[in-house]
């Protein structure tokens, strides 16, 4: 237990401001701070909490921070830990969105963002490689990954259905041992006040937007609320679904803007799902200028992260009981395997739109016009992949160098 609430604040402020590099780096930082350095949480507690957070929709690293704060200081500790994990990155995203909206039309800025897009392809490929080594542990998992890829890329099956089918398959086909139950059920008393309070907080701005006749804000709020429920498998897994909806269904942003959004989100501390804030800000700006942008960005943040607090505060007492259920572990393994196929779909989709000037959407997925291949984009993508995947450079350094190379080529050509 912490010696003072101020110690908890300082620890999670440090985690929040230094949490660059994606979930793996963020979870490692929390482990170092909470388990190794301060010894506030045991190794077993940390790993159990991580497994629980991976069962939930939403960013697992942010939810792990929230759970750790709850474990140490109850709901106030969870609020402080979760907010400190999100707020620094959200502030950076706001500044980046302001700059992007103001200067993205300049030729040299577009050249720099070609480097960002090339690096994003490499970033997604690295995520695919890392996850596949952990998640594909047998023929069933390989089959789930392959079916998920075909379902999303060629058949346009909705992402939530892919995840649901994978979870059910994993649960049903998991081999179980009928050992006696050793973890008692914690009861449901706390749910009667936790769920209504956080559900009301989640819904309040949506109801306000609807009653005020703000149709665009209502649409934004409902879409990202839905996204908060289906974001199993991390931000990369849901990006394909989000991109398809934002670009093709709603028409809020272009494909290039979505790829730029991911590249910028990779440079900030905090969870990668903060890319939703950038999308909300930019969509609001394009729709009605900065007043609407700020409202859309704030609403997007609210409906993205308030559900995370709901999941943690409602589910935290059940951690030990849930982790004793082999069917749930099987469902999680099925989801993880399917996510490999989902991220492959995302990687291919991004690569085609970065490398080719013309991409046609057919009944069997996106098909490029081969003559529209960009040699500059191909060179930048190969260089970024070499730096990030082979030489294992940090993401921020790879993004910076790829952008610098793109600017140099722009100046020469």
Protein backbone atom coordinates (compact mmCIF):
# COMPACT_ATOMS: atom_id res chain seq x y z
CA UNK A 1 0.00 0.00 0.00
CA UNK A 2 1.24 3.49 -0.80
CA UNK A 3 2.43 5.70 2.06
CA UNK A 4 0.45 8.70 0.80
CA UNK A 5 -1.98 9.65 -1.94
CA UNK A 6 0.60 12.16 -3.18
CA UNK A 7 3.01 9.29 -3.83
CA UNK A 8 0.40 7.60 -6.01
CA UNK A 9 -0.16 10.86 -7.90
CA UNK A 10 3.56 11.31 -8.57
CA UNK A 11 4.02 7.71 -9.67
CA UNK A 12 1.17 7.73 -12.16
CA UNK A 13 2.08 11.22 -13.40
CA UNK A 14 5.50 9.84 -14.26
CA UNK A 15 3.92 6.87 -16.03
CA UNK A 16 1.52 9.17 -17.93
CA UNK A 17 4.20 11.52 -19.23
CA UNK A 18 6.65 8.75 -20.18
CA UNK A 19 4.20 6.24 -21.69
CA UNK A 20 5.46 6.33 -25.27
CA UNK A 21 5.87 3.33 -27.55
CA UNK A 22 2.56 1.51 -27.47
CA UNK A 23 0.99 -0.96 -25.02
CA UNK A 24 4.02 -3.23 -24.60
CA UNK A 25 6.30 -0.34 -23.62
CA UNK A 26 3.61 1.20 -21.40
CA UNK A 27 2.94 -2.05 -19.55
CA UNK A 28 6.70 -2.55 -19.06
CA UNK A 29 6.97 0.97 -17.62
CA UNK A 30 4.12 0.30 -15.19
CA UNK A 31 5.69 -3.00 -14.15
CA UNK A 32 8.99 -1.29 -13.44
CA UNK A 33 7.33 1.51 -11.46
CA UNK A 34 4.68 -0.43 -9.52
CA UNK A 35 6.19 -3.90 -9.08
CA UNK A 36 9.98 -3.54 -9.23
CA UNK A 37 10.62 -0.02 -7.94
CA UNK A 38 7.86 0.72 -5.43
CA UNK A 39 6.65 -2.85 -4.72
CA UNK A 40 3.06 -1.68 -4.36
CA UNK A 41 1.71 -4.67 -6.36
CA UNK A 42 3.03 -8.23 -6.48
CA UNK A 43 4.08 -9.95 -9.70
CA UNK A 44 1.10 -12.30 -9.56
CA UNK A 45 -1.34 -9.44 -8.95
CA UNK A 46 0.12 -7.48 -11.87
CA UNK A 47 -0.07 -10.40 -14.33
CA UNK A 48 -3.56 -11.33 -13.21
CA UNK A 49 -4.74 -7.74 -13.64
CA UNK A 50 -3.17 -7.61 -17.10
CA UNK A 51 -4.99 -10.79 -18.14
CA UNK A 52 -8.26 -9.33 -16.87
CA UNK A 53 -7.74 -6.06 -18.78
CA UNK A 54 -7.06 -8.00 -21.97
CA UNK A 55 -10.52 -9.56 -21.60
CA UNK A 56 -12.11 -6.09 -21.67
CA UNK A 57 -12.87 -3.82 -24.61
CA UNK A 58 -10.71 -0.72 -24.68
CA UNK A 59 -7.00 0.11 -24.20
CA UNK A 60 -5.54 -2.53 -21.89
CA UNK A 61 -2.63 -0.38 -20.67
CA UNK A 62 -4.91 2.49 -19.58
CA UNK A 63 -7.25 0.03 -17.90
CA UNK A 64 -4.32 -1.68 -16.17
CA UNK A 65 -3.26 1.69 -14.76
CA UNK A 66 -6.82 2.33 -13.59
CA UNK A 67 -7.02 -1.10 -11.97
CA UNK A 68 -3.69 -0.57 -10.19
CA UNK A 69 -4.89 2.78 -8.84
CA UNK A 70 -8.15 1.13 -7.70
CA UNK A 71 -6.23 -1.69 -6.02
CA UNK A 72 -4.12 0.82 -4.10
CA UNK A 73 -6.59 3.57 -3.22
CA UNK A 74 -10.05 2.53 -4.34
CA UNK A 75 -12.12 4.53 -6.82
CA UNK A 76 -10.26 7.86 -6.20
CA UNK A 77 -6.96 6.10 -6.88
CA UNK A 78 -8.35 4.51 -10.03
CA UNK A 79 -9.60 7.88 -11.30
CA UNK A 80 -6.25 9.56 -10.69
CA UNK A 81 -4.26 6.74 -12.31
CA UNK A 82 -6.52 6.48 -15.35
CA UNK A 83 -6.74 10.23 -15.95
CA UNK A 84 -3.00 10.75 -15.59
CA UNK A 85 -2.44 8.03 -18.16
CA UNK A 86 -4.71 9.75 -20.71
CA UNK A 87 -4.53 13.52 -20.15
CA UNK A 88 -0.88 14.21 -21.23
CA UNK A 89 -1.37 12.43 -24.57
CA UNK A 90 -4.78 14.03 -25.10
CA UNK A 91 -3.23 17.48 -24.67
CA UNK A 92 -0.51 16.66 -27.22
CA UNK A 93 -3.11 15.33 -29.68
CA UNK A 94 -5.05 18.61 -29.38
CA UNK A 95 -1.95 20.62 -30.30
CA UNK A 96 -1.08 18.29 -33.18
CA UNK A 97 -4.63 18.48 -34.54
CA UNK A 98 -4.51 22.30 -34.41
CA UNK A 99 -1.26 22.29 -36.38
CA UNK A 100 -2.44 19.64 -38.83
CA UNK A 101 -5.69 21.42 -39.64
CA UNK A 102 -3.88 24.71 -40.14
CA UNK A 103 -0.90 23.57 -42.24
CA UNK A 104 -1.73 20.22 -43.86
CA UNK A 105 -2.38 21.79 -47.28
CA UNK A 106 1.22 23.02 -47.68
CA UNK A 107 3.27 20.96 -50.12
CA UNK A 108 6.20 20.42 -47.77
CA UNK A 109 3.87 19.29 -45.01
CA UNK A 110 2.27 16.78 -47.39
CA UNK A 111 5.76 15.53 -48.27
CA UNK A 112 6.62 15.06 -44.59
CA UNK A 113 3.41 13.15 -44.04
CA UNK A 114 4.29 10.77 -46.87
CA UNK A 115 7.17 9.74 -44.63
CA UNK A 116 4.75 9.39 -41.72
CA UNK A 117 2.44 7.18 -43.79
CA UNK A 118 5.35 4.95 -44.84
CA UNK A 119 6.41 4.57 -41.22
CA UNK A 120 2.84 3.73 -40.21
CA UNK A 121 2.88 0.75 -42.57
CA UNK A 122 6.05 -0.47 -40.88
CA UNK A 123 4.56 0.15 -37.41
CA UNK A 124 1.50 -1.96 -38.19
CA UNK A 125 3.68 -4.70 -39.69
CA UNK A 126 5.74 -4.79 -36.48
CA UNK A 127 2.57 -5.02 -34.39
CA UNK A 128 1.41 -7.87 -36.62
CA UNK A 129 4.69 -9.74 -36.22
CA UNK A 130 4.82 -9.26 -32.44
CA UNK A 131 1.24 -10.35 -31.84
CA UNK A 132 1.36 -13.32 -34.21
CA UNK A 133 4.31 -14.83 -32.32
CA UNK A 134 2.33 -14.71 -29.09
CA UNK A 135 -1.20 -15.44 -30.29
CA UNK A 136 -0.81 -18.19 -32.91
CA UNK A 137 -0.07 -21.26 -30.80
CA UNK A 138 -1.67 -24.01 -32.84
CA UNK A 139 -3.74 -24.93 -35.91
CA UNK A 140 -6.96 -23.55 -34.39
CA UNK A 141 -5.41 -20.13 -33.84
CA UNK A 142 -3.89 -20.05 -37.33
CA UNK A 143 -7.29 -20.95 -38.78
CA UNK A 144 -9.04 -18.23 -36.76
CA UNK A 145 -6.51 -15.65 -37.98
CA UNK A 146 -6.96 -16.72 -41.62
CA UNK A 147 -10.75 -16.71 -41.43
CA UNK A 148 -10.75 -13.30 -39.73
CA UNK A 149 -8.57 -11.83 -42.50
CA UNK A 150 -10.72 -13.21 -45.32
CA UNK A 151 -13.93 -12.19 -43.53
CA UNK A 152 -12.85 -8.57 -43.15
CA UNK A 153 -10.80 -7.99 -46.30
CA UNK A 154 -12.75 -9.93 -48.91
CA UNK A 155 -16.23 -10.29 -47.41
CA UNK A 156 -16.54 -7.03 -45.42
CA UNK A 157 -17.86 -8.85 -42.36
CA UNK A 158 -18.31 -6.34 -39.50
CA UNK A 159 -15.51 -6.32 -36.95
CA UNK A 160 -17.77 -7.01 -33.92
CA UNK A 161 -19.08 -10.19 -35.56
CA UNK A 162 -15.54 -11.39 -36.28
CA UNK A 163 -14.52 -10.89 -32.65
CA UNK A 164 -17.71 -12.50 -31.31
CA UNK A 165 -17.29 -15.56 -33.54
CA UNK A 166 -13.63 -15.94 -32.51
CA UNK A 167 -14.48 -15.67 -28.81
CA UNK A 168 -17.24 -18.28 -29.07
CA UNK A 169 -15.01 -20.62 -31.07
CA UNK A 170 -12.17 -20.28 -28.58
CA UNK A 171 -14.48 -20.85 -25.62
CA UNK A 172 -16.22 -23.88 -27.11
CA UNK A 173 -13.08 -25.63 -28.34
CA UNK A 174 -10.98 -25.00 -25.23
CA UNK A 175 -9.95 -28.15 -23.39
CA UNK A 176 -11.16 -27.88 -19.78
CA UNK A 177 -10.14 -29.71 -16.68
CA UNK A 178 -12.90 -30.30 -14.16
CA UNK A 179 -10.99 -29.13 -11.12
CA UNK A 180 -12.95 -27.96 -8.08
CA UNK A 181 -13.68 -24.24 -7.96
CA UNK A 182 -11.33 -22.60 -5.45
CA UNK A 183 -12.18 -18.91 -5.95
CA UNK A 184 -15.38 -17.70 -4.33
CA UNK A 185 -17.77 -15.38 -6.15
CA UNK A 186 -17.47 -11.78 -4.86
CA UNK A 187 -21.18 -11.00 -5.09
CA UNK A 188 -22.95 -8.19 -6.93
CA UNK A 189 -23.63 -5.57 -4.25
CA UNK A 190 -21.17 -3.01 -5.62
CA UNK A 191 -22.75 -3.17 -9.10
CA UNK A 192 -25.97 -1.52 -7.90
CA UNK A 193 -24.26 1.84 -7.46
CA UNK A 194 -21.22 1.51 -9.79
CA UNK A 195 -22.98 0.64 -13.05
CA UNK A 196 -25.82 3.23 -12.90
CA UNK A 197 -23.46 6.08 -11.99
CA UNK A 198 -20.91 5.41 -14.73
CA UNK A 199 -23.53 4.50 -17.33
CA UNK A 200 -25.28 7.82 -16.62
CA UNK A 201 -21.99 9.71 -16.93
CA UNK A 202 -21.32 7.95 -20.23
CA UNK A 203 -24.76 8.76 -21.63
CA UNK A 204 -25.14 12.33 -20.32
CA UNK A 205 -23.37 14.22 -23.16
CA UNK A 206 -25.08 12.02 -25.78
CA UNK A 207 -28.50 12.86 -24.38
CA UNK A 208 -27.57 16.55 -24.21
CA UNK A 209 -26.37 16.56 -27.82
CA UNK A 210 -29.53 14.79 -28.99
CA UNK A 211 -31.91 17.09 -27.08
CA UNK A 212 -30.11 20.19 -28.36
CA UNK A 213 -30.50 19.03 -31.98
CA UNK A 214 -26.74 18.71 -32.57
CA UNK A 215 -27.00 15.88 -35.09
CA UNK A 216 -23.29 15.76 -35.96
CA UNK A 217 -22.22 15.56 -32.31
CA UNK A 218 -24.88 12.93 -31.65
CA UNK A 219 -23.58 10.88 -34.57
CA UNK A 220 -19.98 11.25 -33.35
CA UNK A 221 -20.92 10.30 -29.80
CA UNK A 222 -22.92 7.25 -30.79
CA UNK A 223 -20.25 5.97 -33.17
CA UNK A 224 -17.38 6.23 -30.69
CA UNK A 225 -19.56 4.83 -27.90
CA UNK A 226 -20.13 1.78 -30.09
CA UNK A 227 -16.39 1.64 -30.75
CA UNK A 228 -15.71 1.64 -27.00
CA UNK A 229 -17.74 -1.56 -26.68
CA UNK A 230 -16.04 -3.52 -29.48
CA UNK A 231 -12.37 -2.48 -29.13
CA UNK A 232 -11.14 -5.96 -28.19
CA UNK A 233 -7.58 -6.78 -29.16
CA UNK A 234 -6.11 -3.29 -28.90
CA UNK A 235 -6.15 -0.18 -31.04
CA UNK A 236 -4.61 -1.75 -34.15
CA UNK A 237 -7.37 -4.34 -34.29
CA UNK A 238 -10.17 -1.79 -34.25
CA UNK A 239 -8.49 0.69 -36.62
CA UNK A 240 -9.64 -1.18 -39.71
CA UNK A 241 -13.24 -1.07 -38.52
CA UNK A 242 -12.93 2.57 -37.47
CA UNK A 243 -11.25 3.58 -40.72
CA UNK A 244 -13.89 1.90 -42.85
CA UNK A 245 -16.68 3.59 -40.91
CA UNK A 246 -15.06 7.04 -40.69
CA UNK A 247 -13.98 7.13 -44.36
CA UNK A 248 -16.57 5.11 -46.26
CA UNK A 249 -19.72 5.08 -44.11
CA UNK A 250 -19.70 8.55 -42.56
CA UNK A 251 -17.32 10.39 -44.90
CA UNK A 252 -15.84 12.43 -42.06
CA UNK A 253 -12.20 12.05 -43.17
CA UNK A 254 -10.25 10.84 -46.18
CA UNK A 255 -8.05 7.74 -46.22
CA UNK A 256 -4.89 9.86 -46.16
CA UNK A 257 -6.15 11.82 -43.17
CA UNK A 258 -6.86 8.60 -41.27
CA UNK A 259 -3.34 7.32 -41.90
CA UNK A 260 -1.91 10.69 -40.83
CA UNK A 261 -4.00 10.51 -37.66
CA UNK A 262 -2.48 7.16 -36.71
CA UNK A 263 1.03 8.40 -37.43
CA UNK A 264 0.57 11.43 -35.19
CA UNK A 265 -1.00 9.34 -32.42
CA UNK A 266 2.09 7.11 -32.45
CA UNK A 267 4.24 10.11 -31.43
CA UNK A 268 2.31 10.92 -28.24
CA UNK A 269 2.33 9.44 -24.75
CA UNK A 270 -0.71 7.50 -23.59
CA UNK A 271 -2.91 4.90 -25.30
CA UNK A 272 -2.88 4.68 -29.09
CA UNK A 273 -6.69 4.78 -29.04
CA UNK A 274 -6.24 8.55 -28.55
CA UNK A 275 -6.32 8.51 -32.34
CA UNK A 276 -10.10 8.74 -31.85
CA UNK A 277 -9.65 12.21 -30.34
CA UNK A 278 -7.73 13.33 -33.43
CA UNK A 279 -10.47 11.94 -35.68
CA UNK A 280 -13.16 13.76 -33.69
CA UNK A 281 -11.23 17.03 -33.71
CA UNK A 282 -10.47 16.95 -37.43
CA UNK A 283 -13.97 15.79 -38.41
CA UNK A 284 -15.47 18.60 -36.34
CA UNK A 285 -13.09 21.15 -37.87
CA UNK A 286 -13.95 20.09 -41.42
CA UNK A 287 -17.65 20.18 -40.56
CA UNK A 288 -17.88 23.49 -38.72
CA UNK A 289 -14.54 25.02 -37.73
CA UNK A 290 -12.78 25.04 -34.39
CA UNK A 291 -15.78 25.51 -32.04
CA UNK A 292 -17.35 22.31 -33.38
CA UNK A 293 -13.94 20.63 -33.49
CA UNK A 294 -13.31 21.23 -29.79
CA UNK A 295 -16.76 19.96 -28.85
CA UNK A 296 -16.38 16.87 -31.07
CA UNK A 297 -12.90 16.15 -29.70
CA UNK A 298 -14.07 16.49 -26.08
CA UNK A 299 -17.11 14.28 -26.73
CA UNK A 300 -14.95 11.67 -28.44
CA UNK A 301 -12.57 11.57 -25.49
CA UNK A 302 -15.48 11.28 -23.06
CA UNK A 303 -17.23 8.35 -24.75
CA UNK A 304 -13.92 6.58 -25.42
CA UNK A 305 -12.59 6.59 -21.85
CA UNK A 306 -15.57 6.85 -19.49
CA UNK A 307 -16.53 3.26 -20.47
CA UNK A 308 -13.01 2.16 -19.41
CA UNK A 309 -13.69 3.38 -15.88
CA UNK A 310 -17.05 1.60 -15.96
CA UNK A 311 -15.48 -1.73 -16.97
CA UNK A 312 -12.75 -1.50 -14.31
CA UNK A 313 -14.78 -0.28 -11.36
CA UNK A 314 -17.56 -2.76 -12.10
CA UNK A 315 -15.31 -5.72 -12.89
CA UNK A 316 -12.27 -5.29 -10.64
CA UNK A 317 -13.70 -7.28 -7.70
CA UNK A 318 -14.20 -10.26 -10.05
CA UNK A 319 -10.58 -10.53 -11.29
CA UNK A 320 -9.49 -13.62 -9.35
CA UNK A 321 -12.84 -15.36 -9.89
CA UNK A 322 -12.86 -14.73 -13.66
CA UNK A 323 -9.27 -15.83 -14.21
CA UNK A 324 -10.12 -19.21 -12.71
CA UNK A 325 -12.48 -19.90 -15.64
CA UNK A 326 -10.75 -21.83 -18.47
CA UNK A 327 -13.53 -21.04 -20.95
CA UNK A 328 -12.81 -17.33 -20.57
CA UNK A 329 -9.13 -17.92 -21.17
CA UNK A 330 -10.08 -19.86 -24.30
CA UNK A 331 -12.27 -16.99 -25.49
CA UNK A 332 -9.40 -14.54 -24.96
CA UNK A 333 -7.01 -16.79 -26.92
CA UNK A 334 -9.56 -17.00 -29.77
CA UNK A 335 -9.91 -13.21 -29.85
CA UNK A 336 -6.13 -12.75 -29.86
CA UNK A 337 -5.77 -15.14 -32.80
CA UNK A 338 -8.51 -13.43 -34.80
CA UNK A 339 -6.92 -10.06 -34.09
CA UNK A 340 -3.82 -11.22 -36.02
CA UNK A 341 -5.99 -11.57 -39.13
CA UNK A 342 -7.68 -8.23 -38.44
CA UNK A 343 -4.32 -6.46 -38.17
CA UNK A 344 -3.15 -8.17 -41.39
CA UNK A 345 -6.21 -6.68 -43.05
CA UNK A 346 -5.29 -3.26 -41.66
CA UNK A 347 -1.63 -3.59 -42.75
CA UNK A 348 -2.59 -4.54 -46.30
CA UNK A 349 -5.20 -1.78 -46.50
CA UNK A 350 -2.72 0.86 -45.29
CA UNK A 351 0.08 -0.41 -47.55
CA UNK A 352 -2.06 -0.31 -50.69
CA UNK A 353 -3.20 3.26 -50.01
CA UNK A 354 0.32 4.45 -49.23
CA UNK A 355 2.14 2.72 -52.07
CA UNK A 356 -0.38 3.22 -54.90
CA UNK A 357 -2.03 6.38 -56.13
CA UNK A 358 -5.12 4.48 -57.34
CA UNK A 359 -6.87 1.71 -55.36
CA UNK A 360 -10.19 0.27 -56.50
CA UNK A 361 -12.67 -1.37 -54.15
CA UNK A 362 -14.05 -4.58 -55.66
CA UNK A 363 -16.32 -7.30 -54.40
CA UNK A 364 -13.24 -9.12 -53.11
CA UNK A 365 -11.51 -6.25 -51.36
CA UNK A 366 -9.20 -3.42 -52.42
CA UNK A 367 -7.19 -3.92 -55.62
CA UNK A 368 -4.46 -1.45 -56.69
CA UNK A 369 -3.78 -0.11 -60.16
CA UNK A 370 -0.26 -1.50 -60.47
CA UNK A 371 0.93 1.26 -62.80
CA UNK A 372 0.18 3.82 -60.06
CA UNK A 373 2.90 2.48 -57.74
CA UNK A 374 4.89 5.34 -56.14
CA UNK A 375 8.66 4.57 -56.11
CA UNK A 376 9.24 7.22 -53.41
CA UNK A 377 6.57 5.74 -51.12
CA UNK A 378 7.95 2.24 -51.71
CA UNK A 379 11.50 3.35 -50.84
CA UNK A 380 10.33 5.11 -47.67
CA UNK A 381 8.25 2.11 -46.60
CA UNK A 382 11.15 -0.30 -47.10
CA UNK A 383 13.50 2.02 -45.19
CA UNK A 384 11.01 2.39 -42.31
CA UNK A 385 10.47 -1.37 -42.16
CA UNK A 386 14.23 -1.94 -42.05
CA UNK A 387 14.66 0.55 -39.19
CA UNK A 388 11.67 -0.53 -37.13
CA UNK A 389 11.32 -4.28 -37.74
CA UNK A 390 14.91 -5.37 -38.48
CA UNK A 391 17.03 -2.85 -36.56
CA UNK A 392 14.32 -2.27 -33.90
CA UNK A 393 14.59 1.50 -33.77
CA UNK A 394 12.11 3.35 -31.51
CA UNK A 395 8.85 4.37 -33.18
CA UNK A 396 9.32 8.11 -32.62
CA UNK A 397 12.84 8.05 -34.11
CA UNK A 398 11.66 6.01 -37.12
CA UNK A 399 8.79 8.44 -37.74
CA UNK A 400 11.15 11.42 -37.52
CA UNK A 401 13.74 9.93 -39.88
CA UNK A 402 11.15 8.79 -42.41
CA UNK A 403 9.62 12.28 -42.46
CA UNK A 404 13.07 13.81 -42.81
CA UNK A 405 13.91 11.53 -45.72
CA UNK A 406 10.60 12.42 -47.40
CA UNK A 407 11.34 16.13 -47.01
CA UNK A 408 14.83 15.62 -48.45
CA UNK A 409 13.43 13.79 -51.48
CA UNK A 410 10.82 16.53 -51.89
CA UNK A 411 13.57 19.17 -51.96
CA UNK A 412 15.64 17.20 -54.48
CA UNK A 413 12.76 16.20 -56.79
